[in-house]
Protein backbone atom coordinates (compact mmCIF):
# COMPACT_ATOMS: atom_id res chain seq x y z
CA UNK A 1 -68.07 -122.72 11.08
CA UNK A 2 -66.00 -123.12 14.25
CA UNK A 3 -62.76 -122.48 12.37
CA UNK A 4 -64.32 -119.39 10.80
CA UNK A 5 -65.19 -118.05 14.24
CA UNK A 6 -61.63 -118.61 15.41
CA UNK A 7 -60.30 -116.73 12.42
CA UNK A 8 -62.74 -113.86 12.96
CA UNK A 9 -61.38 -113.46 16.48
CA UNK A 10 -57.75 -113.46 15.40
CA UNK A 11 -56.88 -117.09 16.12
CA UNK A 12 -55.26 -119.53 13.72
CA UNK A 13 -58.08 -121.87 12.57
CA UNK A 14 -55.60 -124.74 12.18
CA UNK A 15 -55.57 -124.99 15.99
CA UNK A 16 -58.97 -126.71 15.84
CA UNK A 17 -59.44 -130.06 14.18
CA UNK A 18 -62.63 -132.11 14.23
CA UNK A 19 -62.98 -135.68 13.06
CA UNK A 20 -65.73 -138.28 13.36
CA UNK A 21 -64.01 -141.42 14.59
CA UNK A 22 -65.89 -144.42 15.97
CA UNK A 23 -64.94 -145.88 19.34
CA UNK A 24 -63.40 -149.02 17.83
CA UNK A 25 -61.17 -147.14 15.38
CA UNK A 26 -58.15 -146.67 17.64
CA UNK A 27 -55.67 -146.68 14.75
CA UNK A 28 -57.52 -143.87 13.01
CA UNK A 29 -57.69 -141.89 16.26
CA UNK A 30 -53.96 -142.29 16.89
CA UNK A 31 -53.15 -141.25 13.31
CA UNK A 32 -55.31 -138.12 13.62
CA UNK A 33 -53.77 -137.20 16.98
CA UNK A 34 -50.21 -137.68 15.70
CA UNK A 35 -50.95 -135.56 12.64
CA UNK A 36 -52.54 -132.82 14.76
CA UNK A 37 -49.64 -132.90 17.22
CA UNK A 38 -47.16 -132.53 14.34
CA UNK A 39 -49.09 -129.51 13.04
CA UNK A 40 -49.18 -127.87 16.48
CA UNK A 41 -45.45 -128.45 16.97
CA UNK A 42 -44.79 -126.92 13.54
CA UNK A 43 -46.95 -123.92 14.40
CA UNK A 44 -45.15 -123.44 17.72
CA UNK A 45 -41.87 -123.15 15.80
CA UNK A 46 -43.22 -120.31 13.59
């Protein structure tokens, strides 16, 4: 729903990423953040 609202207002919905990660899952958190950072860097180059 949040990504749909972004798109409705002219924003790229890929700029928002949500994930349910528990507090002891640091490896999963780091992997998600690295992936999201890579996407944002790619989008900045467009």
